[in-house]
PDB file of all heavy atoms in Angstrom:
ATOM      1  N   PHE A   1      30.578 -20.363  10.391  1.00  0.00           N
ATOM      2  CA  PHE A   1      30.067 -20.046   9.056  1.00  0.00           C
ATOM      3  C   PHE A   1      28.934 -20.988   8.666  1.00  0.00           C
ATOM      4  O   PHE A   1      27.965 -20.568   8.009  1.00  0.00           O
ATOM      5  CB  PHE A   1      31.192 -20.122   8.025  1.00  0.00           C
ATOM      6  CG  PHE A   1      32.223 -19.041   8.169  1.00  0.00           C
ATOM      7  CD1 PHE A   1      33.470 -19.162   7.584  1.00  0.00           C
ATOM      8  CD2 PHE A   1      31.943 -17.900   8.904  1.00  0.00           C
ATOM      9  CE1 PHE A   1      34.416 -18.163   7.719  1.00  0.00           C
ATOM     10  CE2 PHE A   1      32.880 -16.889   9.048  1.00  0.00           C
ATOM     11  CZ  PHE A   1      34.121 -17.022   8.451  1.00  0.00           C
ATOM     12  N   ALA A   2      29.038 -22.251   9.051  1.00  0.00           N
ATOM     13  CA  ALA A   2      27.958 -23.206   8.766  1.00  0.00           C
ATOM     14  C   ALA A   2      26.670 -22.794   9.461  1.00  0.00           C
ATOM     15  O   ALA A   2      25.580 -22.869   8.870  1.00  0.00           O
ATOM     16  CB  ALA A   2      28.377 -24.610   9.203  1.00  0.00           C
ATOM     17  N   ALA A   3      26.765 -22.333  10.701  1.00  0.00           N
ATOM     18  CA  ALA A   3      25.576 -21.867  11.420  1.00  0.00           C
ATOM     19  C   ALA A   3      24.991 -20.619  10.770  1.00  0.00           C
ATOM     20  O   ALA A   3      23.768 -20.458  10.675  1.00  0.00           O
ATOM     21  CB  ALA A   3      25.920 -21.600  12.878  1.00  0.00           C
ATOM     22  N   LEU A   4      25.851 -19.713  10.299  1.00  0.00           N
ATOM     23  CA  LEU A   4      25.357 -18.504   9.627  1.00  0.00           C
ATOM     24  C   LEU A   4      24.678 -18.842   8.302  1.00  0.00           C
ATOM     25  O   LEU A   4      23.662 -18.226   7.945  1.00  0.00           O
ATOM     26  CB  LEU A   4      26.509 -17.529   9.404  1.00  0.00           C
ATOM     27  CG  LEU A   4      27.110 -16.910  10.676  1.00  0.00           C
ATOM     28  CD1 LEU A   4      28.302 -16.028  10.330  1.00  0.00           C
ATOM     29  CD2 LEU A   4      26.064 -16.110  11.434  1.00  0.00           C
ATOM     30  N   PHE A   5      25.205 -19.793   7.563  1.00  0.00           N
ATOM     31  CA  PHE A   5      24.537 -20.220   6.328  1.00  0.00           C
ATOM     32  C   PHE A   5      23.199 -20.887   6.643  1.00  0.00           C
ATOM     33  O   PHE A   5      22.249 -20.784   5.857  1.00  0.00           O
ATOM     34  CB  PHE A   5      25.433 -21.178   5.544  1.00  0.00           C
ATOM     35  CG  PHE A   5      26.446 -20.489   4.680  1.00  0.00           C
ATOM     36  CD1 PHE A   5      27.797 -20.593   4.953  1.00  0.00           C
ATOM     37  CD2 PHE A   5      26.052 -19.720   3.594  1.00  0.00           C
ATOM     38  CE1 PHE A   5      28.738 -19.954   4.162  1.00  0.00           C
ATOM     39  CE2 PHE A   5      26.977 -19.082   2.790  1.00  0.00           C
ATOM     40  CZ  PHE A   5      28.326 -19.197   3.078  1.00  0.00           C
ATOM     41  N   LEU A   6      23.104 -21.569   7.789  1.00  0.00           N
ATOM     42  CA  LEU A   6      21.824 -22.145   8.193  1.00  0.00           C
ATOM     43  C   LEU A   6      20.805 -21.043   8.500  1.00  0.00           C
ATOM     44  O   LEU A   6      19.614 -21.195   8.209  1.00  0.00           O
ATOM     45  CB  LEU A   6      22.019 -23.045   9.409  1.00  0.00           C
ATOM     46  CG  LEU A   6      20.812 -23.854   9.867  1.00  0.00           C
ATOM     47  CD1 LEU A   6      20.290 -24.737   8.740  1.00  0.00           C
ATOM     48  CD2 LEU A   6      21.166 -24.714  11.068  1.00  0.00           C
ATOM     49  N   VAL A   7      21.261 -19.942   9.079  1.00  0.00           N
ATOM     50  CA  VAL A   7      20.375 -18.787   9.285  1.00  0.00           C
ATOM     51  C   VAL A   7      19.860 -18.264   7.947  1.00  0.00           C
ATOM     52  O   VAL A   7      18.667 -17.952   7.789  1.00  0.00           O
ATOM     53  CB  VAL A   7      21.119 -17.686  10.061  1.00  0.00           C
ATOM     54  CG1 VAL A   7      20.290 -16.409  10.104  1.00  0.00           C
ATOM     55  CG2 VAL A   7      21.427 -18.149  11.475  1.00  0.00           C
ATOM     56  N   LEU A   8      20.754 -18.162   6.956  1.00  0.00           N
ATOM     57  CA  LEU A   8      20.333 -17.728   5.619  1.00  0.00           C
ATOM     58  C   LEU A   8      19.319 -18.690   5.022  1.00  0.00           C
ATOM     59  O   LEU A   8      18.336 -18.263   4.384  1.00  0.00           O
ATOM     60  CB  LEU A   8      21.562 -17.611   4.716  1.00  0.00           C
ATOM     61  CG  LEU A   8      21.308 -17.207   3.260  1.00  0.00           C
ATOM     62  CD1 LEU A   8      20.650 -15.834   3.182  1.00  0.00           C
ATOM     63  CD2 LEU A   8      22.603 -17.236   2.462  1.00  0.00           C
ATOM     64  N   ALA A   9      19.506 -19.986   5.232  1.00  0.00           N
ATOM     65  CA  ALA A   9      18.549 -20.975   4.724  1.00  0.00           C
ATOM     66  C   ALA A   9      17.186 -20.810   5.383  1.00  0.00           C
ATOM     67  O   ALA A   9      16.140 -20.915   4.721  1.00  0.00           O
ATOM     68  CB  ALA A   9      19.097 -22.382   4.963  1.00  0.00           C
ATOM     69  N   PHE A  10      17.161 -20.512   6.685  1.00  0.00           N
ATOM     70  CA  PHE A  10      15.886 -20.291   7.369  1.00  0.00           C
ATOM     71  C   PHE A  10      15.165 -19.066   6.807  1.00  0.00           C
ATOM     72  O   PHE A  10      13.938 -19.067   6.650  1.00  0.00           O
ATOM     73  CB  PHE A  10      16.126 -20.122   8.868  1.00  0.00           C
ATOM     74  CG  PHE A  10      16.411 -21.412   9.575  1.00  0.00           C
ATOM     75  CD1 PHE A  10      17.230 -21.445  10.694  1.00  0.00           C
ATOM     76  CD2 PHE A  10      15.862 -22.606   9.132  1.00  0.00           C
ATOM     77  CE1 PHE A  10      17.501 -22.633  11.350  1.00  0.00           C
ATOM     78  CE2 PHE A  10      16.123 -23.810   9.770  1.00  0.00           C
ATOM     79  CZ  PHE A  10      16.943 -23.816  10.887  1.00  0.00           C
ATOM     80  N   PHE A  11      15.904 -18.011   6.517  1.00  0.00           N
ATOM     81  CA  PHE A  11      15.274 -16.808   5.956  1.00  0.00           C
ATOM     82  C   PHE A  11      14.669 -17.093   4.582  1.00  0.00           C
ATOM     83  O   PHE A  11      13.571 -16.611   4.267  1.00  0.00           O
ATOM     84  CB  PHE A  11      16.296 -15.679   5.857  1.00  0.00           C
ATOM     85  CG  PHE A  11      16.421 -14.859   7.110  1.00  0.00           C
ATOM     86  CD1 PHE A  11      17.580 -14.882   7.868  1.00  0.00           C
ATOM     87  CD2 PHE A  11      15.374 -14.057   7.544  1.00  0.00           C
ATOM     88  CE1 PHE A  11      17.696 -14.139   9.028  1.00  0.00           C
ATOM     89  CE2 PHE A  11      15.476 -13.304   8.699  1.00  0.00           C
ATOM     90  CZ  PHE A  11      16.652 -13.340   9.442  1.00  0.00           C
ATOM     91  N   GLN A  12      15.363 -17.849   3.753  1.00  0.00           N
ATOM     92  CA  GLN A  12      14.820 -18.173   2.430  1.00  0.00           C
ATOM     93  C   GLN A  12      13.588 -19.067   2.548  1.00  0.00           C
ATOM     94  O   GLN A  12      12.618 -18.901   1.789  1.00  0.00           O
ATOM     95  CB  GLN A  12      15.901 -18.861   1.574  1.00  0.00           C
ATOM     96  CG  GLN A  12      17.175 -18.071   1.433  1.00  0.00           C
ATOM     97  CD  GLN A  12      16.953 -16.639   0.999  1.00  0.00           C
ATOM     98  OE1 GLN A  12      16.195 -16.375   0.059  1.00  0.00           O
ATOM     99  NE2 GLN A  12      17.586 -15.702   1.686  1.00  0.00           N
ATOM    100  N   ALA A  13      13.600 -20.005   3.490  1.00  0.00           N
ATOM    101  CA  ALA A  13      12.417 -20.837   3.699  1.00  0.00           C
ATOM    102  C   ALA A  13      11.235 -19.999   4.186  1.00  0.00           C
ATOM    103  O   ALA A  13      10.083 -20.224   3.782  1.00  0.00           O
ATOM    104  CB  ALA A  13      12.738 -21.946   4.705  1.00  0.00           C
ATOM    105  N   ALA A  14      11.510 -19.008   5.047  1.00  0.00           N
ATOM    106  CA  ALA A  14      10.441 -18.116   5.502  1.00  0.00           C
ATOM    107  C   ALA A  14       9.869 -17.308   4.339  1.00  0.00           C
ATOM    108  O   ALA A  14       8.652 -17.076   4.268  1.00  0.00           O
ATOM    109  CB  ALA A  14      10.968 -17.182   6.596  1.00  0.00           C
ATOM    110  N   ALA A  15      10.736 -16.871   3.426  1.00  0.00           N
ATOM    111  CA  ALA A  15      10.249 -16.130   2.260  1.00  0.00           C
ATOM    112  C   ALA A  15       9.345 -17.006   1.385  1.00  0.00           C
ATOM    113  O   ALA A  15       8.327 -16.535   0.856  1.00  0.00           O
ATOM    114  CB  ALA A  15      11.435 -15.605   1.452  1.00  0.00           C
ATOM    115  N   ILE A  16       9.694 -18.275   1.240  1.00  0.00           N
ATOM    116  CA  ILE A  16       8.847 -19.185   0.459  1.00  0.00           C
ATOM    117  C   ILE A  16       7.510 -19.408   1.159  1.00  0.00           C
ATOM    118  O   ILE A  16       6.442 -19.488   0.517  1.00  0.00           O
ATOM    119  CB  ILE A  16       9.585 -20.521   0.229  1.00  0.00           C
ATOM    120  CG1 ILE A  16      10.819 -20.289  -0.642  1.00  0.00           C
ATOM    121  CG2 ILE A  16       8.669 -21.553  -0.419  1.00  0.00           C
ATOM    122  CD1 ILE A  16      11.655 -21.534  -0.866  1.00  0.00           C
ATOM    123  N   TRP A  17       7.517 -19.474   2.496  1.00  0.00           N
ATOM    124  CA  TRP A  17       6.259 -19.586   3.243  1.00  0.00           C
ATOM    125  C   TRP A  17       5.374 -18.368   2.997  1.00  0.00           C
ATOM    126  O   TRP A  17       4.143 -18.494   2.889  1.00  0.00           O
ATOM    127  CB  TRP A  17       6.540 -19.721   4.738  1.00  0.00           C
ATOM    128  CG  TRP A  17       6.907 -21.105   5.183  1.00  0.00           C
ATOM    129  CD1 TRP A  17       8.091 -21.501   5.730  1.00  0.00           C
ATOM    130  CD2 TRP A  17       6.093 -22.277   5.123  1.00  0.00           C
ATOM    131  NE1 TRP A  17       8.062 -22.842   6.005  1.00  0.00           N
ATOM    132  CE2 TRP A  17       6.847 -23.344   5.657  1.00  0.00           C
ATOM    133  CE3 TRP A  17       4.798 -22.522   4.681  1.00  0.00           C
ATOM    134  CZ2 TRP A  17       6.345 -24.631   5.745  1.00  0.00           C
ATOM    135  CZ3 TRP A  17       4.299 -23.815   4.767  1.00  0.00           C
ATOM    136  CH2 TRP A  17       5.065 -24.850   5.291  1.00  0.00           C
ATOM    137  N   ILE A  18       5.979 -17.200   2.925  1.00  0.00           N
ATOM    138  CA  ILE A  18       5.192 -15.984   2.670  1.00  0.00           C
ATOM    139  C   ILE A  18       4.571 -16.038   1.274  1.00  0.00           C
ATOM    140  O   ILE A  18       3.420 -15.624   1.066  1.00  0.00           O
ATOM    141  CB  ILE A  18       6.075 -14.739   2.849  1.00  0.00           C
ATOM    142  CG1 ILE A  18       6.459 -14.571   4.321  1.00  0.00           C
ATOM    143  CG2 ILE A  18       5.354 -13.481   2.359  1.00  0.00           C
ATOM    144  CD1 ILE A  18       7.384 -13.406   4.581  1.00  0.00           C
ATOM    145  N   LEU A  19       5.328 -16.546   0.296  1.00  0.00           N
ATOM    146  CA  LEU A  19       4.764 -16.689  -1.043  1.00  0.00           C
ATOM    147  C   LEU A  19       3.582 -17.658  -1.059  1.00  0.00           C
ATOM    148  O   LEU A  19       2.665 -17.515  -1.875  1.00  0.00           O
ATOM    149  CB  LEU A  19       5.842 -17.183  -2.008  1.00  0.00           C
ATOM    150  CG  LEU A  19       6.957 -16.188  -2.359  1.00  0.00           C
ATOM    151  CD1 LEU A  19       7.967 -16.835  -3.295  1.00  0.00           C
ATOM    152  CD2 LEU A  19       6.382 -14.926  -2.988  1.00  0.00           C
ATOM    153  N   LEU A  20       3.591 -18.631  -0.156  1.00  0.00           N
ATOM    154  CA  LEU A  20       2.490 -19.593  -0.071  1.00  0.00           C
ATOM    155  C   LEU A  20       1.354 -19.103   0.829  1.00  0.00           C
ATOM    156  O   LEU A  20       0.453 -19.877   1.164  1.00  0.00           O
ATOM    157  CB  LEU A  20       3.019 -20.931   0.461  1.00  0.00           C
ATOM    158  CG  LEU A  20       4.020 -21.657  -0.442  1.00  0.00           C
ATOM    159  CD1 LEU A  20       4.547 -22.911   0.237  1.00  0.00           C
ATOM    160  CD2 LEU A  20       3.387 -21.997  -1.782  1.00  0.00           C
ATOM    161  N   LYS A  21       1.428 -17.825   1.250  1.00  0.00           N
ATOM    162  CA  LYS A  21       0.408 -17.179   2.077  1.00  0.00           C
ATOM    163  C   LYS A  21       0.285 -17.838   3.456  1.00  0.00           C
ATOM    164  O   LYS A  21      -0.799 -17.934   4.029  1.00  0.00           O
ATOM    165  CB  LYS A  21      -0.955 -17.197   1.376  1.00  0.00           C
ATOM    166  CG  LYS A  21      -0.975 -16.389   0.099  1.00  0.00           C
ATOM    167  CD  LYS A  21      -2.360 -16.389  -0.543  1.00  0.00           C
ATOM    168  CE  LYS A  21      -2.374 -15.558  -1.819  1.00  0.00           C
ATOM    169  NZ  LYS A  21      -3.717 -15.547  -2.446  1.00  0.00           N
ATOM    170  N   ALA A  22       1.415 -18.305   3.963  1.00  0.00           N
ATOM    171  CA  ALA A  22       1.469 -18.850   5.319  1.00  0.00           C
ATOM    172  C   ALA A  22       2.336 -17.911   6.146  1.00  0.00           C
ATOM    173  O   ALA A  22       3.475 -18.221   6.495  1.00  0.00           O
ATOM    174  CB  ALA A  22       2.032 -20.260   5.313  1.00  0.00           C
ATOM    175  N   GLU A  23       1.773 -16.734   6.451  1.00  0.00           N
ATOM    176  CA  GLU A  23       2.553 -15.700   7.128  1.00  0.00           C
ATOM    177  C   GLU A  23       2.945 -16.103   8.543  1.00  0.00           C
ATOM    178  O   GLU A  23       4.054 -15.798   9.008  1.00  0.00           O
ATOM    179  CB  GLU A  23       1.767 -14.384   7.165  1.00  0.00           C
ATOM    180  CG  GLU A  23       1.435 -13.798   5.803  1.00  0.00           C
ATOM    181  CD  GLU A  23       0.168 -14.401   5.219  1.00  0.00           C
ATOM    182  OE1 GLU A  23      -0.458 -15.236   5.918  1.00  0.00           O
ATOM    183  OE2 GLU A  23      -0.179 -14.052   4.066  1.00  0.00           O
ATOM    184  N   PHE A  24       2.049 -16.799   9.229  1.00  0.00           N
ATOM    185  CA  PHE A  24       2.349 -17.191  10.611  1.00  0.00           C
ATOM    186  C   PHE A  24       3.532 -18.150  10.670  1.00  0.00           C
ATOM    187  O   PHE A  24       4.411 -18.012  11.529  1.00  0.00           O
ATOM    188  CB  PHE A  24       1.115 -17.834  11.246  1.00  0.00           C
ATOM    189  CG  PHE A  24       1.363 -18.344  12.640  1.00  0.00           C
ATOM    190  CD1 PHE A  24       1.409 -17.471  13.712  1.00  0.00           C
ATOM    191  CD2 PHE A  24       1.562 -19.698  12.873  1.00  0.00           C
ATOM    192  CE1 PHE A  24       1.655 -17.936  14.998  1.00  0.00           C
ATOM    193  CE2 PHE A  24       1.799 -20.168  14.146  1.00  0.00           C
ATOM    194  CZ  PHE A  24       1.843 -19.284  15.213  1.00  0.00           C
ATOM    195  N   LEU A  25       3.564 -19.126   9.770  1.00  0.00           N
ATOM    196  CA  LEU A  25       4.684 -20.065   9.753  1.00  0.00           C
ATOM    197  C   LEU A  25       5.990 -19.351   9.421  1.00  0.00           C
ATOM    198  O   LEU A  25       7.047 -19.695   9.972  1.00  0.00           O
ATOM    199  CB  LEU A  25       4.414 -21.184   8.742  1.00  0.00           C
ATOM    200  CG  LEU A  25       3.259 -22.131   9.074  1.00  0.00           C
ATOM    201  CD1 LEU A  25       3.081 -23.156   7.967  1.00  0.00           C
ATOM    202  CD2 LEU A  25       3.506 -22.824  10.404  1.00  0.00           C
ATOM    203  N   ALA A  26       5.932 -18.374   8.528  1.00  0.00           N
ATOM    204  CA  ALA A  26       7.146 -17.628   8.176  1.00  0.00           C
ATOM    205  C   ALA A  26       7.668 -16.826   9.362  1.00  0.00           C
ATOM    206  O   ALA A  26       8.868 -16.852   9.670  1.00  0.00           O
ATOM    207  CB  ALA A  26       6.860 -16.705   6.989  1.00  0.00           C
ATOM    208  N   ILE A  27       6.775 -16.124  10.062  1.00  0.00           N
ATOM    209  CA  ILE A  27       7.194 -15.328  11.224  1.00  0.00           C
ATOM    210  C   ILE A  27       7.673 -16.243  12.346  1.00  0.00           C
ATOM    211  O   ILE A  27       8.672 -15.961  13.025  1.00  0.00           O
ATOM    212  CB  ILE A  27       6.038 -14.434  11.699  1.00  0.00           C
ATOM    213  CG1 ILE A  27       5.673 -13.427  10.598  1.00  0.00           C
ATOM    214  CG2 ILE A  27       6.416 -13.690  12.962  1.00  0.00           C
ATOM    215  CD1 ILE A  27       6.795 -12.504  10.203  1.00  0.00           C
ATOM    216  N   ALA A  28       6.978 -17.372  12.550  1.00  0.00           N
ATOM    217  CA  ALA A  28       7.413 -18.310  13.592  1.00  0.00           C
ATOM    218  C   ALA A  28       8.779 -18.906  13.271  1.00  0.00           C
ATOM    219  O   ALA A  28       9.607 -19.108  14.170  1.00  0.00           O
ATOM    220  CB  ALA A  28       6.379 -19.427  13.745  1.00  0.00           C
ATOM    221  N   LEU A  29       9.036 -19.172  11.999  1.00  0.00           N
ATOM    222  CA  LEU A  29      10.342 -19.707  11.603  1.00  0.00           C
ATOM    223  C   LEU A  29      11.456 -18.711  11.894  1.00  0.00           C
ATOM    224  O   LEU A  29      12.522 -19.084  12.397  1.00  0.00           O
ATOM    225  CB  LEU A  29      10.318 -20.067  10.117  1.00  0.00           C
ATOM    226  CG  LEU A  29      11.584 -20.703   9.538  1.00  0.00           C
ATOM    227  CD1 LEU A  29      11.860 -22.030  10.210  1.00  0.00           C
ATOM    228  CD2 LEU A  29      11.468 -20.866   8.041  1.00  0.00           C
ATOM    229  N   VAL A  30      11.203 -17.443  11.617  1.00  0.00           N
ATOM    230  CA  VAL A  30      12.225 -16.422  11.854  1.00  0.00           C
ATOM    231  C   VAL A  30      12.421 -16.178  13.346  1.00  0.00           C
ATOM    232  O   VAL A  30      13.552 -16.118  13.846  1.00  0.00           O
ATOM    233  CB  VAL A  30      11.855 -15.115  11.121  1.00  0.00           C
ATOM    234  CG1 VAL A  30      12.804 -13.989  11.499  1.00  0.00           C
ATOM    235  CG2 VAL A  30      11.871 -15.333   9.620  1.00  0.00           C
TER     236      VAL A  30
END
C-alpha cells in the first residue's frame, strides 16, 4: 500500500509539472 500511495504521489507531481508547462518532465516522471 505504501508503494501504491507513492505511485499516486508521482501522478500528482506530474500533474503539477503540467500546470507549470513542463510537459516533458511530467511524461518522464510517469
